[in-house]
Protein backbone atom coordinates (compact mmCIF):
# COMPACT_ATOMS: atom_id res chain seq x y z
CA MET A 1 -1.30 -17.28 42.13
CA SER A 2 -1.99 -20.73 43.61
CA SER A 3 -3.76 -23.38 41.57
CA HIS A 4 -6.75 -23.66 43.93
CA LYS A 5 -7.48 -19.94 43.47
CA VAL A 6 -7.36 -20.28 39.70
CA GLN A 7 -9.72 -23.23 39.99
CA LYS A 8 -12.02 -21.10 42.18
CA SER A 9 -12.20 -18.41 39.49
CA HIS A 10 -13.17 -20.94 36.82
CA THR A 11 -15.80 -22.48 39.11
CA THR A 12 -17.27 -19.06 39.91
CA MET A 13 -17.40 -18.08 36.27
CA SER A 14 -19.10 -21.33 35.26
CA SER A 15 -21.67 -20.90 38.00
CA SER A 16 -22.39 -17.32 36.91
CA LYS A 17 -22.88 -18.35 33.32
CA SER A 18 -25.30 -21.09 34.28
CA ASP A 19 -27.42 -18.65 36.32
CA LEU A 20 -27.68 -15.93 33.69
CA SER A 21 -28.68 -16.17 30.06
CA SER A 22 -26.67 -14.34 27.41
CA ASP A 23 -29.49 -11.87 26.93
CA GLU A 24 -30.43 -11.07 30.52
CA CYS A 25 -28.59 -9.23 33.25
CA LYS A 26 -29.73 -9.68 36.87
CA PHE A 27 -28.31 -7.46 39.60
CA PRO A 28 -28.14 -8.26 43.33
CA HIS A 29 -31.67 -7.03 44.00
CA GLY A 30 -33.19 -9.06 41.17
CA GLU A 31 -33.71 -6.28 38.62
CA SER A 32 -33.41 -7.25 34.98
CA ILE A 33 -32.55 -5.00 32.05
CA GLY A 34 -31.67 -7.51 29.32
CA CYS A 35 -28.06 -6.41 28.99
CA ALA A 36 -25.78 -9.07 27.55
CA TYR A 37 -22.48 -7.26 27.92
CA CYS A 38 -23.21 -6.44 31.60
CA VAL A 39 -23.50 -10.16 32.35
CA ARG A 40 -20.12 -10.91 30.89
CA TYR A 41 -18.12 -8.06 32.32
CA LEU A 42 -19.72 -7.66 35.74
CA ASN A 43 -19.10 -11.39 36.28
CA HIS A 44 -15.44 -10.89 35.36
CA ILE A 45 -15.21 -7.95 37.75
CA ASP A 46 -16.71 -10.00 40.61
CA ILE A 47 -14.22 -12.79 39.97
CA LEU A 48 -11.26 -10.40 39.85
CA GLN A 49 -12.34 -8.65 43.04
CA SER A 50 -12.64 -12.03 44.76
CA ILE A 51 -9.13 -12.98 43.66
CA LEU A 52 -7.77 -9.64 44.88
CA ASP A 53 -9.49 -10.15 48.25
CA ASP A 54 -8.00 -13.64 48.59
CA ASN A 55 -4.53 -12.25 47.98
CA GLY A 56 -4.95 -9.22 50.24
CA ILE A 57 -4.49 -6.74 47.38
CA TYR A 58 -6.12 -3.34 47.74
CA TYR A 59 -8.35 -2.17 44.91
CA GLN A 60 -10.90 0.53 44.21
CA PRO A 61 -14.36 -1.12 44.41
CA LEU A 62 -16.73 -0.93 41.45
CA LYS A 63 -18.82 2.24 41.56
CA PRO A 64 -22.57 1.85 42.15
CA ILE A 65 -24.47 1.14 38.96
CA ARG A 66 -27.81 2.20 40.38
CA LYS A 67 -28.95 5.73 39.64
CA GLY A 68 -32.37 6.81 40.83
CA ASP A 69 -34.91 4.15 39.94
CA LYS A 70 -33.10 3.01 36.79
CA ILE A 71 -30.19 0.64 36.48
CA ILE A 72 -27.71 2.02 34.01
CA SER A 73 -24.19 1.24 32.92
CA ASP A 74 -21.66 3.15 34.98
CA THR A 75 -19.62 4.00 31.90
CA MET A 76 -22.22 4.44 29.17
CA ALA A 77 -23.63 7.87 28.37
CA GLN A 78 -26.68 8.24 26.16
CA LEU A 79 -26.35 8.09 22.36
CA ASP A 80 -28.18 10.83 20.50
CA LEU A 81 -29.39 9.61 17.10
CA SER A 82 -31.61 12.61 16.50
CA GLU A 83 -31.87 14.01 12.99
CA GLU A 84 -30.58 17.38 14.16
CA ARG A 85 -27.37 15.98 15.68
CA LEU A 86 -26.62 13.59 12.81
CA GLU A 87 -27.16 16.25 10.15
CA SER A 88 -24.82 18.57 12.05
CA LEU A 89 -22.10 15.89 12.27
CA VAL A 90 -22.47 14.90 8.61
CA ASN A 91 -22.37 18.50 7.37
CA GLU A 92 -19.29 19.30 9.45
CA TYR A 93 -17.21 16.13 9.27
CA TYR A 94 -18.23 14.15 6.19
CA THR A 95 -15.95 15.70 3.56
CA GLN A 96 -14.76 15.06 0.01
CA ASP A 97 -11.79 13.16 1.44
CA THR A 98 -14.23 10.95 3.36
CA PHE A 99 -16.25 10.44 0.16
CA GLN A 100 -13.14 9.33 -1.74
CA LYS A 101 -12.53 6.55 0.83
CA GLY A 102 -15.82 4.88 -0.09
CA TYR A 103 -17.53 2.76 2.57
CA LYS A 104 -14.30 2.78 4.62
CA GLY A 105 -14.80 6.52 5.00
CA ILE A 106 -18.28 5.94 6.40
CA ILE A 107 -16.87 3.50 8.95
CA ASP A 108 -14.23 6.04 10.00
CA PHE A 109 -16.86 8.77 10.24
CA ILE A 110 -19.17 6.64 12.41
CA HIS A 111 -16.35 5.44 14.66
CA THR A 112 -14.76 8.88 15.07
CA TYR A 113 -17.84 11.07 15.48
CA VAL A 114 -21.25 9.40 15.58
CA ILE A 115 -20.85 6.82 18.38
CA ARG A 116 -18.86 9.08 20.69
CA ASP A 117 -20.07 11.06 23.69
CA ASP A 118 -20.28 14.69 22.53
CA ASP A 119 -19.04 15.94 25.91
CA THR A 120 -16.27 13.32 26.22
CA PRO A 121 -15.21 12.31 22.68
CA THR A 122 -12.88 9.61 23.97
CA ASP A 123 -15.87 7.67 25.34
CA ILE A 124 -17.66 5.27 22.99
CA VAL A 125 -21.39 5.04 23.73
CA TYR A 126 -22.35 2.32 21.23
CA ILE A 127 -20.83 -1.13 21.73
CA CYS A 128 -21.09 -4.61 20.26
CA ALA A 129 -22.39 -6.87 23.03
CA ASP A 130 -22.69 -10.05 20.95
CA PRO A 131 -20.37 -10.21 17.90
CA SER A 132 -21.64 -13.62 16.78
CA LYS A 133 -25.19 -12.26 16.39
CA LYS A 134 -24.04 -8.70 15.58
CA VAL A 135 -26.04 -7.22 18.44
CA PHE A 136 -25.11 -3.70 19.54
CA HIS A 137 -26.17 -1.89 22.72
CA TYR A 138 -26.59 1.76 23.54
CA TYR A 139 -28.57 3.94 25.94
CA ASP A 140 -31.02 6.66 25.01
CA VAL A 141 -33.64 8.62 26.96
CA GLU A 142 -35.79 5.48 27.20
CA GLY A 143 -32.99 3.30 28.60
CA LEU A 144 -31.04 0.37 27.20
CA GLN A 145 -31.55 -0.33 23.48
CA LYS A 146 -30.54 -3.29 21.34
CA ASP A 147 -29.54 -2.64 17.76
CA ILE A 148 -29.26 -5.79 15.64
CA ARG A 149 -26.92 -5.40 12.66
CA CYS A 150 -26.75 -1.63 13.28
CA ARG A 151 -30.19 -1.16 11.79
CA ALA A 152 -31.25 1.74 14.04
CA LEU A 153 -27.88 3.45 13.63
CA MET A 154 -27.71 3.12 9.84
CA ASP A 155 -31.39 4.00 9.32
CA ALA A 156 -30.91 7.19 11.34
CA LEU A 157 -27.81 8.09 9.31
CA TYR A 158 -29.24 7.28 5.87
CA ASP A 159 -30.99 10.56 5.01
CA PRO A 160 -28.22 12.93 6.23
CA LEU A 161 -25.54 10.82 4.54
CA ILE A 162 -27.33 10.38 1.21
CA LYS A 163 -27.91 14.13 0.94
CA LYS A 164 -24.25 14.93 1.63
CA ILE A 165 -22.95 12.13 -0.59
CA THR A 166 -25.15 13.28 -3.48
CA LYS A 167 -24.06 16.89 -2.98
CA ILE A 168 -20.35 15.98 -3.00
CA TYR A 169 -20.84 13.74 -6.03
CA ARG A 170 -22.50 16.55 -8.03
CA ILE A 171 -19.75 19.00 -7.11
CA LEU A 172 -17.04 16.55 -8.19
CA ILE A 173 -18.73 15.85 -11.53
CA ASN A 174 -19.28 19.55 -12.23
CA ARG A 175 -15.69 20.36 -11.33
CA ILE A 176 -14.34 17.75 -13.72
CA TYR A 177 -16.25 19.25 -16.65
CA GLN A 178 -15.76 22.87 -15.60
CA GLU A 179 -12.08 23.42 -14.89
CA ASP A 180 -12.70 26.98 -13.74
CA ASP A 181 -15.19 25.86 -11.05
CA VAL A 182 -13.55 26.50 -7.68
CA LEU A 183 -16.54 25.59 -5.51
CA ILE A 184 -15.66 23.19 -2.71
CA VAL A 185 -17.79 21.47 -0.09
CA GLY A 186 -18.12 23.78 2.89
CA GLU A 187 -17.96 26.99 0.85
CA SER A 188 -21.43 26.55 -0.59
CA SER A 189 -24.33 28.26 1.11
CA ASP A 190 -26.21 26.35 3.75
CA SER A 191 -29.42 27.35 2.02
CA ASP A 192 -28.88 24.80 -0.74
CA SER A 193 -28.82 21.93 1.76
CA ASP A 194 -32.61 21.84 1.64
CA ASP A 195 -32.85 21.93 -2.16
CA GLU A 196 -35.08 19.26 -3.61
CA TYR A 197 -33.27 16.44 -5.34
CA ASP A 198 -34.16 13.05 -6.77
CA GLU A 199 -31.53 10.55 -5.72
CA ASP A 200 -33.07 7.84 -7.92
CA ILE A 201 -32.54 9.98 -11.01
CA ASP A 202 -28.98 10.66 -9.90
CA GLU A 203 -28.42 6.93 -9.58
CA VAL A 204 -29.85 6.14 -13.03
CA ILE A 205 -27.65 8.80 -14.64
CA ALA A 206 -24.64 7.60 -12.64
CA GLU A 207 -25.16 4.00 -13.78
CA GLU A 208 -25.38 5.13 -17.42
CA LEU A 209 -22.17 7.14 -17.03
CA HIS A 210 -20.50 4.19 -15.35
CA ASP A 211 -21.50 1.77 -18.12
CA SER A 212 -20.39 4.13 -20.88
CA GLY A 213 -17.14 4.80 -19.04
CA ASP A 214 -16.37 1.08 -18.85
CA LYS A 215 -16.90 0.73 -22.60
CA ARG A 216 -14.62 3.68 -23.33
CA LYS A 217 -11.90 2.30 -21.08
CA GLN A 218 -11.90 -0.94 -23.06
CA LYS A 219 -11.26 0.99 -26.28
CA GLU A 220 -8.73 3.52 -25.02
CA ALA A 221 -5.05 2.81 -24.51
CA SER A 222 -3.68 3.20 -20.98
CA ASP A 223 -2.40 6.66 -20.06
CA ASN A 224 -0.46 7.91 -17.03
CA SER A 225 -2.88 10.79 -16.54
CA LYS A 226 -6.59 10.31 -16.01
CA THR A 227 -8.88 11.68 -18.69
CA ALA A 228 -12.02 13.57 -17.75
CA ASP A 229 -14.09 10.50 -18.61
CA GLU A 230 -11.97 8.34 -16.31
CA GLN A 231 -12.32 10.83 -13.46
CA VAL A 232 -16.07 10.91 -13.95
CA ASN A 233 -16.24 7.12 -14.01
CA HIS A 234 -14.21 6.96 -10.79
CA ALA A 235 -16.51 9.42 -8.99
CA VAL A 236 -19.59 7.60 -10.29
CA ALA A 237 -18.26 4.24 -9.06
CA ILE A 238 -17.70 5.62 -5.56
CA PHE A 239 -21.14 7.24 -5.52
CA LEU A 240 -22.93 4.02 -6.53
CA ASN A 241 -20.92 1.96 -4.04
CA LEU A 242 -21.72 4.37 -1.22
CA LYS A 243 -25.45 4.30 -2.01
CA LYS A 244 -25.41 0.51 -1.78
CA SER A 245 -23.31 0.38 1.39
CA ILE A 246 -25.64 2.65 3.38
CA GLY A 247 -28.77 1.21 1.80
CA LYS A 248 -29.25 -2.43 0.87
CA VAL A 249 -25.69 -3.78 1.21
CA ARG A 250 -24.62 -2.76 4.72
CA LYS A 251 -22.74 -5.95 5.62
CA PRO A 252 -19.19 -4.60 5.06
CA ILE A 253 -19.89 -1.61 7.34
CA VAL A 254 -21.61 -3.71 10.01
CA ASP A 255 -18.86 -6.35 10.02
CA GLU A 256 -16.17 -3.69 10.46
CA LEU A 257 -18.11 -2.03 13.30
CA VAL A 258 -18.42 -5.42 15.03
CA THR A 259 -14.63 -5.69 14.96
CA LEU A 260 -14.06 -2.11 16.13
CA LEU A 261 -16.70 -1.98 18.87
CA THR A 262 -16.60 -5.43 20.49
CA LEU A 263 -15.53 -5.04 24.12
């Protein structure tokens, strides 16, 4: 590619950036939808198409991005954050193995199931448009939505996740103390999913178990096999960490999603 054509691409890109703010996307007819990632990538597409034209290279033009009276992304389907869908995903795919992975398991669960198009699972429908500000974009029935620091996503997931996490935690603790208990997540009746529970009480008890477990570990000599107390302490530690990571301390999850979902 000749140098003057490279220079043209840089000039065009600079001009585009000066005309459009990072938070606003203007299309040829002047419509505005406030879409930061559209600005960046539609500008790149225009530049690339111009370069291809200059070099006489055939390409498939960009498909229309106008549908009816609404301007939408050509590749973004709607993201359903309804309670019904999220509870269904959590109950089916958030398992004991996921629980054992701690907050990393939550990240895997979100990335693999929650932010995918249900009809086309290979398509991600929740993207990070501005990694420096941790701004995510998705479409719902009302159009384009901004989600700063994944607040809408994590708030919608909190109740379904905390119920399943608490349920798995109780099963693990009971199994440790009752060696003949063969109950596993998934075999229990769906009817108990609506049982009343007090997560705050669970957390208080868990913290007491965790503190007492730490004191016992300081007194006991190391052993190749885990004692029942050590297994309980391990499960309690995961449970408390998970409650924090989906509640008040979401930064590790958000930071990882920024890395995974930045275009």
